[in-house]
Amino acid sequence: MVAITTHGDDEFDPAVAGVGLVGKLGVFVAVTAIAMTATDPVLLAGVLVVSLVFMMATGLKAKALLAAIKPLAPVVILLFVFSGLFFDPRGATLPVARQVLVQLIDTEYFSLSISIGGILFGLGFVAKLLAMMAASIYLIGTTPMEQLLAALQKLRVPNAIGLMMSTAIRFIPTMTSEVATIKDAQRARGAGSKSQKKGRGQAVQGTLPLFVPMIVSSMRRADTMAMSMVSRGYGFTKNRTLLTRLRVNGWDWALIVACAVIVTAFFLLRASRGLGIL
């Protein structure tokens, strides 16, 4: 695939693999629209595969998605369990989804059971979450911040909101590194040592003092950034200038048209034949 111009006339971003921000936004919106409205785990698994293909085609690895899921693994498991337990098989469209394995509670107003439909619904919920996370990584991980700001400006989003979003995204690696530094300093002072008595309890207690230096450091960084922005004249004019401009090429138009056709066909088939409904 041919790389395209992303920052200037002579600069190229080979990681984007021929797709600009407009095309990636089309893929992200299409994946999110289908994933949010579908409940069939087979269809959602297909959406997940498509998201992973787009993500990995730009040079990103699957471990990026795994790294994002790892901290959320307990939450994902709980969501799978609760979404499966509270699924009402009586309202399922597919006959196999109505099969109840164990009936726990069955009243006129409330039903709690372990059913095949509940298991499928839970699997679909996890696939839905993973698909949207992969699409988000595909969009954010391959798009320079200047292009995102240019897109927000085109959409008439206030500059303050764009600044907050860009600052939050840019400082995530910095905050992660600072948390690791503070933890190392705590370990150097004996906090959380498993070789000592009650070491695990100390490790739990060590998480509370972690917030104090983080808050102090964040406030200092915010003050420094505010002074730097004021000294550079930020906010002096309402019309902000950007270093990059959005460009739409053939790949972008092809993806936009393809995504529009796929999403339209999905909703038409969903309304007429129940596509994607468990």
Protein backbone atom coordinates (compact mmCIF):
# COMPACT_ATOMS: atom_id res chain seq x y z
CA MET A 1 0.00 0.00 0.00
CA VAL A 2 1.15 3.55 -0.74
CA ALA A 3 1.98 5.92 2.11
CA ILE A 4 0.39 9.35 1.98
CA THR A 5 1.23 12.83 3.09
CA THR A 6 0.09 13.50 6.64
CA HIS A 7 2.00 16.45 8.08
CA GLY A 8 3.27 18.38 5.11
CA ASP A 9 3.96 18.12 1.44
CA ASP A 10 7.22 16.22 1.92
CA GLU A 11 6.55 14.28 5.11
CA PHE A 12 5.17 10.76 5.11
CA ASP A 13 3.76 8.53 7.79
CA PRO A 14 4.23 4.93 6.64
CA ALA A 15 2.47 3.55 9.72
CA VAL A 16 -0.87 4.85 8.47
CA ALA A 17 -0.52 2.59 5.42
CA GLY A 18 -2.37 4.83 2.97
CA VAL A 19 -5.38 5.69 5.17
CA GLY A 20 -5.86 9.20 6.52
CA LEU A 21 -7.75 10.43 9.54
CA VAL A 22 -11.07 10.69 7.67
CA GLY A 23 -10.93 7.05 6.61
CA LYS A 24 -9.95 5.91 10.09
CA LEU A 25 -12.82 7.87 11.58
CA GLY A 26 -15.16 6.10 9.17
CA VAL A 27 -13.89 2.69 10.32
CA PHE A 28 -14.15 3.70 13.98
CA VAL A 29 -17.72 4.98 13.61
CA ALA A 30 -18.79 1.89 11.64
CA VAL A 31 -17.29 -0.54 14.15
CA THR A 32 -18.81 1.36 17.09
CA ALA A 33 -22.26 1.61 15.48
CA ILE A 34 -22.47 -2.10 14.68
CA ALA A 35 -20.89 -3.25 17.95
CA MET A 36 -23.19 -1.11 20.09
CA THR A 37 -26.40 -2.35 18.46
CA ALA A 38 -25.55 -6.02 17.83
CA THR A 39 -25.87 -8.83 20.40
CA ASP A 40 -25.08 -11.89 18.27
CA PRO A 41 -21.61 -13.15 19.36
CA VAL A 42 -20.85 -14.54 15.89
CA LEU A 43 -21.39 -11.17 14.23
CA LEU A 44 -19.52 -9.39 17.01
CA ALA A 45 -16.61 -11.81 16.63
CA GLY A 46 -16.48 -10.87 12.96
CA VAL A 47 -16.45 -7.16 13.87
CA LEU A 48 -13.61 -7.87 16.31
CA VAL A 49 -11.61 -9.64 13.60
CA VAL A 50 -12.10 -6.70 11.23
CA SER A 51 -10.94 -4.27 13.94
CA LEU A 52 -7.85 -6.37 14.63
CA VAL A 53 -7.05 -6.59 10.91
CA PHE A 54 -7.19 -2.81 10.55
CA MET A 55 -5.17 -2.33 13.73
CA MET A 56 -2.41 -4.76 12.78
CA ALA A 57 -2.29 -3.60 9.14
CA THR A 58 -0.99 -0.24 10.34
CA GLY A 59 1.99 -1.79 12.14
CA LEU A 60 0.40 -2.08 15.58
CA LYS A 61 0.70 -5.40 17.39
CA ALA A 62 -1.97 -7.42 19.14
CA LYS A 63 -0.04 -6.97 22.38
CA ALA A 64 -1.16 -3.31 22.36
CA LEU A 65 -4.73 -4.52 22.78
CA LEU A 66 -3.66 -7.08 25.39
CA ALA A 67 -1.83 -4.39 27.33
CA ALA A 68 -4.99 -2.26 27.34
CA ILE A 69 -7.16 -5.21 28.44
CA LYS A 70 -4.86 -6.52 31.20
CA PRO A 71 -5.74 -3.86 33.82
CA LEU A 72 -9.43 -4.27 32.95
CA ALA A 73 -9.45 -8.09 33.01
CA PRO A 74 -11.34 -8.39 36.36
CA VAL A 75 -13.93 -5.87 35.15
CA VAL A 76 -14.35 -7.72 31.85
CA ILE A 77 -14.85 -11.02 33.69
CA LEU A 78 -17.45 -9.48 36.01
CA LEU A 79 -19.28 -7.93 33.06
CA PHE A 80 -19.32 -11.30 31.32
CA VAL A 81 -20.74 -13.04 34.41
CA PHE A 82 -23.39 -10.43 35.25
CA SER A 83 -24.49 -9.86 31.66
CA GLY A 84 -24.91 -13.61 31.25
CA LEU A 85 -26.80 -14.09 34.51
CA PHE A 86 -29.24 -11.24 33.96
CA PHE A 87 -29.97 -12.18 30.35
CA ASP A 88 -33.62 -13.14 29.93
CA PRO A 89 -33.76 -16.18 27.63
CA ARG A 90 -37.53 -15.76 27.18
CA GLY A 91 -36.91 -12.70 25.01
CA ALA A 92 -34.28 -14.34 22.81
CA THR A 93 -34.84 -14.57 19.06
CA LEU A 94 -32.75 -17.69 18.36
CA PRO A 95 -34.21 -20.99 19.64
CA VAL A 96 -30.86 -22.16 21.01
CA ALA A 97 -30.59 -19.01 23.13
CA ARG A 98 -33.84 -19.87 24.96
CA GLN A 99 -32.41 -23.04 26.48
CA VAL A 100 -32.04 -22.68 30.26
CA LEU A 101 -29.34 -24.75 31.95
CA VAL A 102 -29.92 -23.75 35.60
CA GLN A 103 -32.82 -21.64 36.86
CA LEU A 104 -31.70 -19.66 39.91
CA ILE A 105 -34.53 -17.17 40.45
CA ASP A 106 -37.79 -16.93 38.50
CA THR A 107 -40.44 -14.41 39.49
CA GLU A 108 -42.94 -12.26 37.64
CA TYR A 109 -40.66 -9.23 37.75
CA PHE A 110 -37.19 -10.73 38.01
CA SER A 111 -35.39 -13.71 36.50
CA LEU A 112 -31.89 -15.00 37.15
CA SER A 113 -30.64 -18.06 35.31
CA ILE A 114 -27.71 -19.72 33.60
CA SER A 115 -28.70 -20.24 29.99
CA ILE A 116 -27.07 -20.78 26.65
CA GLY A 117 -28.39 -17.39 25.58
CA GLY A 118 -26.79 -15.80 28.63
CA ILE A 119 -23.43 -17.38 27.84
CA LEU A 120 -23.66 -16.25 24.23
CA PHE A 121 -24.73 -12.78 25.32
CA GLY A 122 -21.77 -12.56 27.70
CA LEU A 123 -19.35 -13.67 24.99
CA GLY A 124 -20.87 -11.13 22.62
CA PHE A 125 -20.50 -8.41 25.24
CA VAL A 126 -16.79 -9.18 25.64
CA ALA A 127 -16.30 -9.28 21.84
CA LYS A 128 -18.15 -5.95 21.59
CA LEU A 129 -15.86 -4.36 24.16
CA LEU A 130 -12.70 -5.73 22.54
CA ALA A 131 -13.81 -4.60 19.07
CA MET A 132 -14.39 -1.03 20.21
CA MET A 133 -11.08 -1.00 22.10
CA ALA A 134 -9.23 -2.26 19.00
CA ALA A 135 -10.93 0.39 16.86
CA SER A 136 -9.96 3.07 19.40
CA ILE A 137 -6.33 1.91 19.42
CA TYR A 138 -6.37 1.89 15.61
CA LEU A 139 -7.61 5.48 15.55
CA ILE A 140 -5.53 6.97 18.36
CA GLY A 141 -2.37 4.90 17.96
CA THR A 142 -1.84 5.76 14.28
CA THR A 143 -2.97 9.37 14.22
CA PRO A 144 -0.67 12.28 15.12
CA MET A 145 -2.14 14.61 17.70
CA GLU A 146 -1.95 17.53 15.24
CA GLN A 147 -4.37 15.72 12.91
CA LEU A 148 -6.83 15.08 15.74
CA LEU A 149 -6.73 18.75 16.70
CA ALA A 150 -7.25 19.74 13.06
CA ALA A 151 -10.29 17.44 12.88
CA LEU A 152 -11.73 18.92 16.07
CA GLN A 153 -11.26 22.40 14.67
CA LYS A 154 -13.05 21.40 11.45
CA LEU A 155 -15.94 20.14 13.58
CA ARG A 156 -16.12 23.55 15.33
CA VAL A 157 -15.14 22.06 18.69
CA PRO A 158 -13.90 24.79 21.10
CA ASN A 159 -10.13 25.02 21.35
CA ALA A 160 -10.23 24.50 25.11
CA ILE A 161 -11.81 21.06 24.70
CA GLY A 162 -9.26 20.07 22.06
CA LEU A 163 -6.45 21.22 24.34
CA MET A 164 -7.78 19.17 27.24
CA MET A 165 -8.07 16.05 25.08
CA SER A 166 -4.60 16.42 23.57
CA THR A 167 -3.01 17.17 26.94
CA ALA A 168 -4.66 14.18 28.58
CA ILE A 169 -3.57 11.79 25.83
CA ARG A 170 -0.03 13.13 25.67
CA PHE A 171 0.55 12.97 29.42
CA ILE A 172 -0.68 9.40 29.91
CA PRO A 173 2.84 7.92 29.29
CA THR A 174 4.37 10.62 31.52
CA MET A 175 1.98 9.85 34.37
CA THR A 176 2.57 6.13 34.00
CA SER A 177 6.33 6.64 34.20
CA GLU A 178 5.93 8.87 37.24
CA VAL A 179 3.80 6.29 39.03
CA ALA A 180 6.54 3.70 38.43
CA THR A 181 9.15 6.11 39.80
CA ILE A 182 7.12 6.77 42.96
CA LYS A 183 6.60 3.04 43.49
CA ASP A 184 10.33 2.41 43.13
CA ALA A 185 11.00 5.12 45.71
CA GLN A 186 8.53 3.51 48.09
CA ARG A 187 10.12 0.09 47.64
CA ALA A 188 13.57 1.61 48.27
CA ARG A 189 12.24 2.81 51.63
CA GLY A 190 10.92 -0.66 52.53
CA ALA A 191 7.26 -0.21 51.65
CA GLY A 192 5.62 -3.33 50.30
CA SER A 193 8.55 -5.69 50.88
CA LYS A 194 7.24 -9.24 50.84
CA SER A 195 10.31 -10.48 52.75
CA GLN A 196 9.33 -8.41 55.79
CA LYS A 197 6.53 -9.24 58.16
CA LYS A 198 3.16 -8.03 56.88
CA GLY A 199 4.79 -7.09 53.61
CA ARG A 200 1.60 -7.54 51.63
CA GLY A 201 -0.29 -5.30 54.01
CA GLN A 202 2.38 -2.67 53.62
CA ALA A 203 2.00 -2.95 49.85
CA VAL A 204 -1.70 -2.20 50.16
CA GLN A 205 -1.02 0.70 52.50
CA GLY A 206 1.62 2.00 50.10
CA THR A 207 -1.00 2.69 47.44
CA LEU A 208 -2.61 5.42 49.57
CA PRO A 209 0.51 7.64 49.88
CA LEU A 210 0.94 7.19 46.12
CA PHE A 211 -1.82 9.70 45.41
CA VAL A 212 -0.27 12.54 47.41
CA PRO A 213 2.93 12.92 45.35
CA MET A 214 0.96 12.33 42.17
CA ILE A 215 -1.45 15.17 42.96
CA VAL A 216 1.38 17.51 43.96
CA SER A 217 3.37 16.67 40.83
CA SER A 218 0.30 17.11 38.60
CA MET A 219 -0.45 20.51 40.11
CA ARG A 220 3.13 21.64 39.58
CA ARG A 221 3.08 20.44 35.99
CA ALA A 222 -0.24 22.20 35.37
CA ASP A 223 1.16 25.49 36.75
CA THR A 224 4.29 25.18 34.61
CA MET A 225 2.23 24.46 31.49
CA ALA A 226 -0.14 27.35 32.21
CA MET A 227 2.76 29.80 32.57
CA SER A 228 4.34 28.45 29.38
CA MET A 229 1.07 28.84 27.45
CA VAL A 230 0.53 32.40 28.71
CA SER A 231 4.10 33.39 27.80
CA ARG A 232 3.48 32.12 24.26
CA GLY A 233 0.25 34.08 23.87
CA TYR A 234 -2.24 31.21 24.03
CA GLY A 235 -5.79 32.52 23.93
CA PHE A 236 -4.80 35.91 22.51
CA THR A 237 -6.76 35.16 19.33
CA LYS A 238 -9.87 33.05 18.83
CA ASN A 239 -8.76 31.55 15.52
CA ARG A 240 -6.06 29.02 16.25
CA THR A 241 -3.47 28.10 13.63
CA LEU A 242 -2.33 24.51 13.15
CA LEU A 243 0.79 22.94 11.70
CA THR A 244 -1.10 20.33 9.71
CA ARG A 245 -4.11 20.22 7.43
CA LEU A 246 -6.56 17.43 6.88
CA ARG A 247 -6.26 15.78 3.47
CA VAL A 248 -8.69 13.28 2.01
CA ASN A 249 -7.33 10.83 -0.58
CA GLY A 250 -8.68 7.88 -2.52
CA TRP A 251 -8.27 5.40 0.35
CA ASP A 252 -10.27 7.67 2.62
CA TRP A 253 -13.16 8.01 0.17
CA ALA A 254 -13.13 4.26 -0.48
CA LEU A 255 -13.31 3.48 3.25
CA ILE A 256 -16.01 6.08 3.87
CA VAL A 257 -18.19 4.70 1.08
CA ALA A 258 -17.57 1.08 2.13
CA CYS A 259 -18.35 1.81 5.79
CA ALA A 260 -21.51 3.73 4.87
CA VAL A 261 -22.73 0.85 2.68
CA ILE A 262 -21.94 -1.77 5.34
CA VAL A 263 -23.60 0.14 8.18
CA THR A 264 -26.69 0.91 6.06
CA ALA A 265 -26.99 -2.73 4.97
CA PHE A 266 -26.56 -3.91 8.55
CA PHE A 267 -29.38 -1.74 9.89
CA LEU A 268 -31.69 -2.65 6.99
CA LEU A 269 -31.08 -6.37 7.54
CA ARG A 270 -31.43 -5.90 11.29
CA ALA A 271 -34.84 -4.28 10.81
CA SER A 272 -36.07 -6.78 8.21
CA ARG A 273 -34.44 -10.08 9.20
CA GLY A 274 -33.13 -9.54 12.72
CA LEU A 275 -29.46 -9.64 11.76
CA GLY A 276 -27.19 -9.34 14.79
CA ILE A 277 -30.00 -9.94 17.31
CA LEU A 278 -29.45 -12.86 19.69
